[in-house]
């Protein structure tokens, strides 16, 4: 497992930069990850990230965009606004979770 340094601390990542150790994530790291892809996180971003992380614990995999919208109560259009272009992939990256199945 590769290790990289983000915001002065070492974290385990896969070949694409997605975190591989669930417990290494925290909101400060999320802000750093978001900044790396040009996003400044708001409370609305954290609503989606919090849902993703809680859902991951119960489901064992990263939720799809449809699941976040349906069960997380965040309209798909809003997710595209918060995380432009590839929302599912960006949400997973910032939430410190594996890339969702079906994402390229």
N, C-alpha and C. Protein backbone atom coordinates (compact mmCIF):
# COMPACT_ATOMS: atom_id res chain seq x y z
N UNK A 1 0.83 -1.18 0.00
CA UNK A 1 0.00 0.00 0.00
C UNK A 1 0.88 1.25 0.00
N UNK A 2 0.74 2.08 -1.02
CA UNK A 2 1.53 3.32 -1.02
C UNK A 2 1.14 4.26 0.12
N UNK A 3 2.08 5.03 0.55
CA UNK A 3 1.86 6.04 1.59
C UNK A 3 2.23 7.38 1.00
N UNK A 4 1.40 8.39 1.26
CA UNK A 4 1.69 9.74 0.81
C UNK A 4 1.53 10.69 1.98
N UNK A 5 2.05 11.88 1.86
CA UNK A 5 1.92 12.87 2.92
C UNK A 5 0.96 13.96 2.46
N UNK A 6 -0.07 14.16 3.25
CA UNK A 6 -1.06 15.21 2.99
C UNK A 6 -1.21 16.02 4.27
N UNK A 7 -1.05 17.32 4.14
CA UNK A 7 -1.18 18.23 5.29
C UNK A 7 -0.26 17.82 6.43
N UNK A 8 0.94 17.37 6.08
CA UNK A 8 1.93 17.05 7.09
C UNK A 8 1.77 15.72 7.78
N UNK A 9 0.90 14.87 7.29
CA UNK A 9 0.77 13.54 7.90
C UNK A 9 0.72 12.46 6.83
N UNK A 10 1.18 11.29 7.19
CA UNK A 10 1.21 10.17 6.26
C UNK A 10 -0.14 9.46 6.24
N UNK A 11 -0.61 9.17 5.03
CA UNK A 11 -1.86 8.41 4.86
C UNK A 11 -1.63 7.35 3.79
N UNK A 12 -2.35 6.25 3.93
CA UNK A 12 -2.26 5.14 2.97
C UNK A 12 -3.25 5.38 1.84
N UNK A 13 -2.77 5.21 0.61
CA UNK A 13 -3.60 5.44 -0.57
C UNK A 13 -3.42 4.31 -1.57
N UNK A 14 -4.36 4.23 -2.51
CA UNK A 14 -4.19 3.28 -3.61
C UNK A 14 -3.47 3.98 -4.76
N UNK A 15 -3.37 3.31 -5.89
CA UNK A 15 -2.63 3.86 -7.03
C UNK A 15 -3.25 5.13 -7.60
N UNK A 16 -4.55 5.36 -7.33
CA UNK A 16 -5.23 6.55 -7.83
C UNK A 16 -5.31 7.66 -6.78
N UNK A 17 -4.77 7.41 -5.58
CA UNK A 17 -4.78 8.44 -4.54
C UNK A 17 -5.94 8.37 -3.57
N UNK A 18 -6.81 7.37 -3.70
CA UNK A 18 -7.92 7.20 -2.77
C UNK A 18 -7.40 6.59 -1.47
N UNK A 19 -7.86 7.13 -0.34
CA UNK A 19 -7.42 6.59 0.95
C UNK A 19 -7.84 5.13 1.07
N UNK A 20 -7.01 4.33 1.73
CA UNK A 20 -7.31 2.91 1.90
C UNK A 20 -7.53 2.52 3.35
N UNK A 21 -7.27 3.44 4.28
CA UNK A 21 -7.49 3.16 5.70
C UNK A 21 -8.57 4.12 6.20
N UNK A 22 -9.73 3.56 6.50
CA UNK A 22 -10.91 4.35 6.88
C UNK A 22 -10.62 5.33 8.02
N UNK A 23 -9.92 4.88 9.03
CA UNK A 23 -9.71 5.69 10.23
C UNK A 23 -8.65 6.79 10.09
N UNK A 24 -8.00 6.88 8.96
CA UNK A 24 -7.02 7.96 8.76
C UNK A 24 -7.70 9.27 8.36
N UNK A 25 -8.97 9.22 8.03
CA UNK A 25 -9.73 10.38 7.56
C UNK A 25 -10.25 11.22 8.73
N UNK A 26 -10.30 12.51 8.54
CA UNK A 26 -11.01 13.42 9.44
C UNK A 26 -11.40 14.65 8.62
N UNK A 27 -12.25 15.53 9.16
CA UNK A 27 -12.69 16.70 8.40
C UNK A 27 -11.56 17.60 7.91
N UNK A 28 -10.50 17.72 8.68
CA UNK A 28 -9.37 18.54 8.23
C UNK A 28 -8.70 17.94 7.00
N UNK A 29 -8.55 16.63 7.01
CA UNK A 29 -7.98 15.96 5.84
C UNK A 29 -8.92 16.12 4.65
N UNK A 30 -10.22 16.05 4.89
CA UNK A 30 -11.19 16.24 3.80
C UNK A 30 -11.00 17.61 3.15
N UNK A 31 -10.79 18.62 3.96
CA UNK A 31 -10.57 19.96 3.42
C UNK A 31 -9.31 20.01 2.55
N UNK A 32 -8.27 19.32 2.98
CA UNK A 32 -7.03 19.27 2.20
C UNK A 32 -7.23 18.51 0.89
N UNK A 33 -7.93 17.39 0.96
CA UNK A 33 -8.20 16.60 -0.25
C UNK A 33 -9.04 17.41 -1.23
N UNK A 34 -10.04 18.10 -0.70
CA UNK A 34 -10.90 18.92 -1.56
C UNK A 34 -10.10 20.04 -2.22
N UNK A 35 -9.23 20.68 -1.46
CA UNK A 35 -8.42 21.76 -2.00
C UNK A 35 -7.54 21.26 -3.15
N UNK A 36 -7.08 20.01 -3.05
CA UNK A 36 -6.24 19.45 -4.11
C UNK A 36 -6.98 19.33 -5.43
N UNK A 37 -8.30 19.23 -5.37
CA UNK A 37 -9.08 19.13 -6.61
C UNK A 37 -9.90 20.39 -6.86
N UNK A 38 -9.54 21.46 -6.17
CA UNK A 38 -10.14 22.76 -6.44
C UNK A 38 -11.47 23.05 -5.79
N UNK A 39 -11.80 22.35 -4.71
CA UNK A 39 -13.06 22.59 -4.01
C UNK A 39 -12.82 23.17 -2.62
N UNK A 40 -13.71 24.06 -2.21
CA UNK A 40 -13.71 24.63 -0.87
C UNK A 40 -14.97 24.11 -0.19
N UNK A 41 -14.83 23.28 0.82
CA UNK A 41 -15.98 22.59 1.41
C UNK A 41 -16.87 23.49 2.26
N UNK A 42 -18.18 23.26 2.11
CA UNK A 42 -19.20 23.94 2.90
C UNK A 42 -19.95 22.90 3.73
N UNK A 43 -20.90 23.36 4.52
CA UNK A 43 -21.73 22.43 5.29
C UNK A 43 -22.49 21.47 4.38
N UNK A 44 -22.90 21.96 3.21
CA UNK A 44 -23.62 21.10 2.25
C UNK A 44 -22.72 19.98 1.74
N UNK A 45 -21.46 20.27 1.49
CA UNK A 45 -20.51 19.23 1.08
C UNK A 45 -20.41 18.19 2.20
N UNK A 46 -20.28 18.67 3.44
CA UNK A 46 -20.11 17.74 4.56
C UNK A 46 -21.35 16.89 4.80
N UNK A 47 -22.51 17.39 4.44
CA UNK A 47 -23.72 16.57 4.55
C UNK A 47 -23.58 15.32 3.68
N UNK A 48 -23.13 15.51 2.45
CA UNK A 48 -22.93 14.38 1.54
C UNK A 48 -21.80 13.47 2.03
N UNK A 49 -20.70 14.06 2.48
CA UNK A 49 -19.55 13.27 2.94
C UNK A 49 -19.91 12.45 4.18
N UNK A 50 -20.66 13.05 5.09
CA UNK A 50 -21.08 12.35 6.31
C UNK A 50 -21.97 11.17 5.96
N UNK A 51 -22.91 11.38 5.03
CA UNK A 51 -23.76 10.27 4.59
C UNK A 51 -22.91 9.15 4.00
N UNK A 52 -22.00 9.51 3.10
CA UNK A 52 -21.15 8.50 2.45
C UNK A 52 -20.39 7.66 3.46
N UNK A 53 -19.78 8.33 4.43
CA UNK A 53 -18.97 7.60 5.41
C UNK A 53 -19.83 6.69 6.29
N UNK A 54 -20.98 7.16 6.70
CA UNK A 54 -21.88 6.34 7.53
C UNK A 54 -22.42 5.16 6.72
N UNK A 55 -22.78 5.40 5.47
CA UNK A 55 -23.30 4.35 4.61
C UNK A 55 -22.23 3.30 4.33
N UNK A 56 -20.99 3.73 4.16
CA UNK A 56 -19.89 2.80 3.90
C UNK A 56 -19.73 1.80 5.05
N UNK A 57 -19.88 2.28 6.26
CA UNK A 57 -19.72 1.40 7.43
C UNK A 57 -20.78 0.30 7.42
N UNK A 58 -22.01 0.63 7.05
CA UNK A 58 -23.07 -0.37 7.06
C UNK A 58 -23.12 -1.23 5.80
N UNK A 59 -22.72 -0.66 4.65
CA UNK A 59 -22.84 -1.38 3.38
C UNK A 59 -21.55 -2.07 2.93
N UNK A 60 -20.41 -1.59 3.41
CA UNK A 60 -19.14 -2.21 3.04
C UNK A 60 -18.62 -1.79 1.67
N UNK A 61 -19.27 -0.81 1.05
CA UNK A 61 -18.81 -0.26 -0.21
C UNK A 61 -19.27 1.18 -0.33
N UNK A 62 -18.62 1.93 -1.19
CA UNK A 62 -18.96 3.34 -1.37
C UNK A 62 -20.28 3.47 -2.12
N UNK A 63 -21.16 4.30 -1.60
CA UNK A 63 -22.48 4.50 -2.20
C UNK A 63 -22.37 5.13 -3.58
N UNK A 64 -23.29 4.74 -4.44
CA UNK A 64 -23.40 5.34 -5.77
C UNK A 64 -24.07 6.70 -5.64
N UNK A 65 -24.00 7.47 -6.70
CA UNK A 65 -24.64 8.78 -6.74
C UNK A 65 -26.14 8.64 -6.49
N UNK A 66 -26.73 7.64 -7.09
CA UNK A 66 -28.17 7.41 -6.92
C UNK A 66 -28.51 7.13 -5.46
N UNK A 67 -27.70 6.35 -4.79
CA UNK A 67 -27.96 6.04 -3.38
C UNK A 67 -27.82 7.29 -2.51
N UNK A 68 -26.81 8.10 -2.77
CA UNK A 68 -26.63 9.33 -2.00
C UNK A 68 -27.84 10.23 -2.18
N UNK A 69 -28.33 10.29 -3.40
CA UNK A 69 -29.48 11.13 -3.68
C UNK A 69 -30.74 10.59 -3.01
N UNK A 70 -31.00 9.31 -3.20
CA UNK A 70 -32.23 8.71 -2.69
C UNK A 70 -32.25 8.59 -1.16
N UNK A 71 -31.19 8.06 -0.59
CA UNK A 71 -31.17 7.83 0.86
C UNK A 71 -30.56 8.98 1.65
N UNK A 72 -29.65 9.71 1.03
CA UNK A 72 -29.03 10.84 1.70
C UNK A 72 -29.86 12.11 1.61
N UNK A 73 -30.86 12.09 0.73
CA UNK A 73 -31.76 13.23 0.62
C UNK A 73 -31.16 14.45 -0.06
N UNK A 74 -30.15 14.23 -0.90
CA UNK A 74 -29.51 15.34 -1.62
C UNK A 74 -29.80 15.15 -3.10
N UNK A 75 -30.54 16.06 -3.71
CA UNK A 75 -30.87 15.89 -5.13
C UNK A 75 -29.62 15.74 -6.01
N UNK A 76 -29.74 14.91 -7.03
CA UNK A 76 -28.62 14.67 -7.94
C UNK A 76 -28.09 15.97 -8.53
N UNK A 77 -28.97 16.85 -8.89
CA UNK A 77 -28.56 18.13 -9.47
C UNK A 77 -27.67 18.91 -8.49
N UNK A 78 -28.02 18.85 -7.21
CA UNK A 78 -27.22 19.54 -6.19
C UNK A 78 -25.85 18.87 -6.04
N UNK A 79 -25.80 17.54 -6.12
CA UNK A 79 -24.53 16.83 -6.03
C UNK A 79 -23.60 17.23 -7.18
N UNK A 80 -24.16 17.39 -8.37
CA UNK A 80 -23.37 17.83 -9.51
C UNK A 80 -22.89 19.27 -9.33
N UNK A 81 -23.68 20.07 -8.63
CA UNK A 81 -23.28 21.45 -8.36
C UNK A 81 -22.17 21.50 -7.31
N UNK A 82 -22.29 20.67 -6.27
CA UNK A 82 -21.30 20.65 -5.20
C UNK A 82 -19.99 20.01 -5.63
N UNK A 83 -20.08 18.95 -6.42
CA UNK A 83 -18.91 18.18 -6.86
C UNK A 83 -18.94 18.08 -8.39
N UNK A 84 -18.59 19.17 -9.09
CA UNK A 84 -18.75 19.23 -10.55
C UNK A 84 -18.04 18.11 -11.31
N UNK A 85 -18.65 17.75 -12.42
CA UNK A 85 -18.15 16.81 -13.43
C UNK A 85 -18.25 15.35 -13.01
N UNK A 86 -17.55 14.92 -12.00
CA UNK A 86 -17.59 13.51 -11.59
C UNK A 86 -17.91 13.45 -10.10
N UNK A 87 -19.16 13.71 -9.72
CA UNK A 87 -19.49 13.84 -8.30
C UNK A 87 -19.23 12.58 -7.46
N UNK A 88 -19.58 11.41 -7.96
CA UNK A 88 -19.40 10.20 -7.16
C UNK A 88 -17.93 9.96 -6.85
N UNK A 89 -17.10 10.13 -7.85
CA UNK A 89 -15.66 9.91 -7.68
C UNK A 89 -15.06 10.97 -6.75
N UNK A 90 -15.46 12.23 -6.93
CA UNK A 90 -14.94 13.31 -6.09
C UNK A 90 -15.40 13.16 -4.64
N UNK A 91 -16.68 12.79 -4.45
CA UNK A 91 -17.17 12.60 -3.08
C UNK A 91 -16.41 11.49 -2.37
N UNK A 92 -16.20 10.38 -3.06
CA UNK A 92 -15.48 9.26 -2.46
C UNK A 92 -14.05 9.66 -2.11
N UNK A 93 -13.40 10.35 -3.01
CA UNK A 93 -12.02 10.80 -2.78
C UNK A 93 -11.94 11.68 -1.53
N UNK A 94 -12.80 12.67 -1.45
CA UNK A 94 -12.76 13.60 -0.32
C UNK A 94 -13.22 12.93 0.97
N UNK A 95 -14.15 11.97 0.87
CA UNK A 95 -14.65 11.26 2.05
C UNK A 95 -13.68 10.20 2.55
N UNK A 96 -12.57 9.99 1.82
CA UNK A 96 -11.59 9.00 2.24
C UNK A 96 -12.04 7.57 2.04
N UNK A 97 -12.83 7.34 0.98
CA UNK A 97 -13.39 6.02 0.71
C UNK A 97 -12.92 5.51 -0.64
N UNK A 98 -13.08 4.20 -0.89
CA UNK A 98 -12.71 3.66 -2.20
C UNK A 98 -13.59 4.25 -3.30
N UNK A 99 -13.06 4.28 -4.50
CA UNK A 99 -13.83 4.75 -5.65
C UNK A 99 -15.05 3.84 -5.81
N UNK A 100 -16.24 4.41 -6.05
CA UNK A 100 -17.44 3.57 -6.22
C UNK A 100 -17.31 2.65 -7.43
N UNK A 101 -17.96 1.50 -7.35
CA UNK A 101 -17.99 0.56 -8.47
C UNK A 101 -18.61 1.25 -9.68
N UNK A 102 -18.04 1.06 -10.84
CA UNK A 102 -18.56 1.64 -12.06
C UNK A 102 -17.94 2.98 -12.42
N UNK A 103 -17.16 3.57 -11.52
CA UNK A 103 -16.48 4.83 -11.83
C UNK A 103 -15.19 4.54 -12.58
N UNK A 104 -14.93 5.37 -13.58
CA UNK A 104 -13.67 5.21 -14.32
C UNK A 104 -12.63 6.18 -13.85
